[in-house]
C-alpha atoms as a PDB file:
ATOM      1  CA  UNK A   1      47.577  24.541  21.686  1.00  0.00           C
ATOM      2  CA  UNK A   2      45.748  21.216  21.846  1.00  0.00           C
ATOM      3  CA  UNK A   3      43.619  22.013  18.718  1.00  0.00           C
ATOM      4  CA  UNK A   4      46.450  22.972  16.808  1.00  0.00           C
ATOM      5  CA  UNK A   5      47.990  19.861  18.061  1.00  0.00           C
ATOM      6  CA  UNK A   6      45.320  17.685  16.698  1.00  0.00           C
ATOM      7  CA  UNK A   7      45.023  19.436  13.423  1.00  0.00           C
ATOM      8  CA  UNK A   8      48.455  18.489  13.030  1.00  0.00           C
ATOM      9  CA  UNK A   9      48.106  15.086  13.759  1.00  0.00           C
ATOM     10  CA  UNK A  10      45.171  14.617  11.874  1.00  0.00           C
ATOM     11  CA  UNK A  11      47.110  15.966   8.701  1.00  0.00           C
ATOM     12  CA  UNK A  12      49.781  14.184   9.191  1.00  0.00           C
ATOM     13  CA  UNK A  13      47.673  10.826   9.247  1.00  0.00           C
ATOM     14  CA  UNK A  14      45.623  12.020   5.963  1.00  0.00           C
ATOM     15  CA  UNK A  15      49.195  12.585   3.954  1.00  0.00           C
ATOM     16  CA  UNK A  16      50.354   8.761   5.357  1.00  0.00           C
ATOM     17  CA  UNK A  17      47.197   7.207   4.275  1.00  0.00           C
ATOM     18  CA  UNK A  18      44.911   8.986   1.951  1.00  0.00           C
ATOM     19  CA  UNK A  19      41.311   7.975   1.467  1.00  0.00           C
ATOM     20  CA  UNK A  20      40.184   6.877  -1.355  1.00  0.00           C
ATOM     21  CA  UNK A  21      36.934   5.976  -2.915  1.00  0.00           C
ATOM     22  CA  UNK A  22      36.131   2.815  -4.937  1.00  0.00           C
ATOM     23  CA  UNK A  23      36.474   3.280  -9.097  1.00  0.00           C
ATOM     24  CA  UNK A  24      32.978   1.672  -8.688  1.00  0.00           C
ATOM     25  CA  UNK A  25      31.571   3.966  -6.205  1.00  0.00           C
ATOM     26  CA  UNK A  26      28.718   5.827  -8.506  1.00  0.00           C
ATOM     27  CA  UNK A  27      27.457   2.546  -9.248  1.00  0.00           C
ATOM     28  CA  UNK A  28      27.078   0.975  -6.161  1.00  0.00           C
ATOM     29  CA  UNK A  29      25.329   3.963  -4.421  1.00  0.00           C
ATOM     30  CA  UNK A  30      22.767   4.192  -6.700  1.00  0.00           C
ATOM     31  CA  UNK A  31      22.220   0.671  -6.459  1.00  0.00           C
ATOM     32  CA  UNK A  32      21.541   1.313  -2.932  1.00  0.00           C
ATOM     33  CA  UNK A  33      19.410   4.070  -3.363  1.00  0.00           C
ATOM     34  CA  UNK A  34      17.405   2.114  -6.089  1.00  0.00           C
ATOM     35  CA  UNK A  35      17.037  -0.930  -3.450  1.00  0.00           C
ATOM     36  CA  UNK A  36      16.132   1.371  -0.441  1.00  0.00           C
ATOM     37  CA  UNK A  37      13.579   3.182  -2.952  1.00  0.00           C
ATOM     38  CA  UNK A  38      11.935  -0.322  -3.881  1.00  0.00           C
ATOM     39  CA  UNK A  39      12.013  -1.313  -0.348  1.00  0.00           C
ATOM     40  CA  UNK A  40      10.274   1.815   0.774  1.00  0.00           C
ATOM     41  CA  UNK A  41       7.798   1.229  -2.267  1.00  0.00           C
ATOM     42  CA  UNK A  42       7.203  -2.357  -1.135  1.00  0.00           C
ATOM     43  CA  UNK A  43       6.403  -1.141   2.584  1.00  0.00           C
ATOM     44  CA  UNK A  44       3.845   1.570   0.987  1.00  0.00           C
ATOM     45  CA  UNK A  45       1.962  -0.955  -0.740  1.00  0.00           C
ATOM     46  CA  UNK A  46       1.847  -3.417   1.930  1.00  0.00           C
ATOM     47  CA  UNK A  47       0.714  -0.823   4.386  1.00  0.00           C
ATOM     48  CA  UNK A  48      -2.011   0.249   1.968  1.00  0.00           C
ATOM     49  CA  UNK A  49      -3.142  -3.446   1.247  1.00  0.00           C
ATOM     50  CA  UNK A  50      -3.724  -3.897   5.104  1.00  0.00           C
ATOM     51  CA  UNK A  51      -5.254  -0.542   5.402  1.00  0.00           C
ATOM     52  CA  UNK A  52      -7.896  -1.521   2.996  1.00  0.00           C
ATOM     53  CA  UNK A  53      -8.475  -4.842   3.701  1.00  0.00           C
ATOM     54  CA  UNK A  54      -8.706  -3.706   7.537  1.00  0.00           C
ATOM     55  CA  UNK A  55     -11.311  -1.035   6.641  1.00  0.00           C
ATOM     56  CA  UNK A  56     -13.432  -3.314   4.371  1.00  0.00           C
ATOM     57  CA  UNK A  57     -13.343  -6.014   7.341  1.00  0.00           C
ATOM     58  CA  UNK A  58     -14.655  -2.981   9.670  1.00  0.00           C
ATOM     59  CA  UNK A  59     -17.394  -2.156   7.110  1.00  0.00           C
ATOM     60  CA  UNK A  60     -18.586  -5.386   6.706  1.00  0.00           C
ATOM     61  CA  UNK A  61     -18.809  -5.785  10.494  1.00  0.00           C
ATOM     62  CA  UNK A  62     -20.639  -2.514  11.086  1.00  0.00           C
ATOM     63  CA  UNK A  63     -22.990  -3.463   8.070  1.00  0.00           C
ATOM     64  CA  UNK A  64     -24.005  -6.747   9.350  1.00  0.00           C
ATOM     65  CA  UNK A  65     -24.032  -5.500  13.293  1.00  0.00           C
ATOM     66  CA  UNK A  66     -26.154  -2.698  12.400  1.00  0.00           C
ATOM     67  CA  UNK A  67     -28.441  -4.707   9.389  1.00  0.00           C
ATOM     68  CA  UNK A  68     -27.786  -8.057   9.741  1.00  0.00           C
ATOM     69  CA  UNK A  69     -31.464  -8.812  11.082  1.00  0.00           C
ATOM     70  CA  UNK A  70     -32.551  -6.919   8.104  1.00  0.00           C
ATOM     71  CA  UNK A  71     -30.247  -8.220   5.602  1.00  0.00           C
ATOM     72  CA  UNK A  72     -31.238 -12.400   6.735  1.00  0.00           C
ATOM     73  CA  UNK A  73     -35.291 -11.444   6.359  1.00  0.00           C
ATOM     74  CA  UNK A  74     -34.699  -9.914   2.947  1.00  0.00           C
ATOM     75  CA  UNK A  75     -32.671 -12.718   1.998  1.00  0.00           C
ATOM     76  CA  UNK A  76     -34.923 -15.516   3.679  1.00  0.00           C
ATOM     77  CA  UNK A  77     -38.028 -13.743   1.817  1.00  0.00           C
ATOM     78  CA  UNK A  78     -36.163 -13.654  -1.499  1.00  0.00           C
ATOM     79  CA  UNK A  79     -35.343 -17.229  -1.336  1.00  0.00           C
ATOM     80  CA  UNK A  80     -38.423 -18.351  -0.405  1.00  0.00           C
ATOM     81  CA  UNK A  81     -41.005 -15.952  -2.357  1.00  0.00           C
ATOM     82  CA  UNK A  82     -40.859 -16.281  -5.729  1.00  0.00           C
ATOM     83  CA  UNK A  83     -41.834 -12.442  -5.715  1.00  0.00           C
ATOM     84  CA  UNK A  84     -38.453 -11.676  -4.305  1.00  0.00           C
ATOM     85  CA  UNK A  85     -36.496 -12.695  -7.383  1.00  0.00           C
ATOM     86  CA  UNK A  86     -37.546  -9.450  -9.313  1.00  0.00           C
ATOM     87  CA  UNK A  87     -34.870  -7.563  -7.413  1.00  0.00           C
ATOM     88  CA  UNK A  88     -32.284  -9.978  -8.707  1.00  0.00           C
ATOM     89  CA  UNK A  89     -31.739  -8.139 -12.173  1.00  0.00           C
ATOM     90  CA  UNK A  90     -31.516  -5.002 -10.617  1.00  0.00           C
ATOM     91  CA  UNK A  91     -28.811  -6.194  -8.119  1.00  0.00           C
ATOM     92  CA  UNK A  92     -27.249  -7.793 -11.242  1.00  0.00           C
ATOM     93  CA  UNK A  93     -27.206  -4.418 -12.698  1.00  0.00           C
ATOM     94  CA  UNK A  94     -25.642  -2.514  -9.806  1.00  0.00           C
ATOM     95  CA  UNK A  95     -22.972  -4.998  -9.449  1.00  0.00           C
ATOM     96  CA  UNK A  96     -21.847  -5.379 -12.804  1.00  0.00           C
ATOM     97  CA  UNK A  97     -21.822  -1.063 -12.974  1.00  0.00           C
ATOM     98  CA  UNK A  98     -20.071  -0.903  -9.552  1.00  0.00           C
ATOM     99  CA  UNK A  99     -17.030  -3.540 -11.030  1.00  0.00           C
ATOM    100  CA  UNK A 100     -17.150  -1.604 -13.920  1.00  0.00           C
ATOM    101  CA  UNK A 101     -16.497   1.590 -12.288  1.00  0.00           C
ATOM    102  CA  UNK A 102     -13.917   0.139  -9.905  1.00  0.00           C
ATOM    103  CA  UNK A 103     -11.591  -1.017 -12.953  1.00  0.00           C
ATOM    104  CA  UNK A 104     -11.974   2.241 -14.988  1.00  0.00           C
ATOM    105  CA  UNK A 105     -11.157   4.141 -11.821  1.00  0.00           C
ATOM    106  CA  UNK A 106      -7.959   1.749 -10.578  1.00  0.00           C
ATOM    107  CA  UNK A 107      -6.720   2.185 -13.937  1.00  0.00           C
ATOM    108  CA  UNK A 108      -7.231   5.467 -14.099  1.00  0.00           C
ATOM    109  CA  UNK A 109      -5.852   6.525 -10.470  1.00  0.00           C
ATOM    110  CA  UNK A 110      -3.431   3.437  -9.562  1.00  0.00           C
ATOM    111  CA  UNK A 111       0.165   4.517  -8.968  1.00  0.00           C
ATOM    112  CA  UNK A 112       0.843   1.005  -8.204  1.00  0.00           C
END
């Protein structure tokens, strides 16, 4: 009995006050969806940037901890002995190659 009475009350209320959607419902809905997608993409980009930065800092820290003394000795030898400057062209070429490779891979695989 209560179910039937409830259904009847709801039916009467729906007849008295029919719900209507606004005329620009589709536009506002699509606009809200687009804003949510932009917010999600922005959040993903921030998370990716923070993750890459943290991994880079961690890698530099580990390299400094493990090889710091050897790197400092090599840098000292390179700066104070003239035979150490023979390594500079090779290092410059490697840096240029890796920077170029990074540029092309970023252009090819980047989503942002």
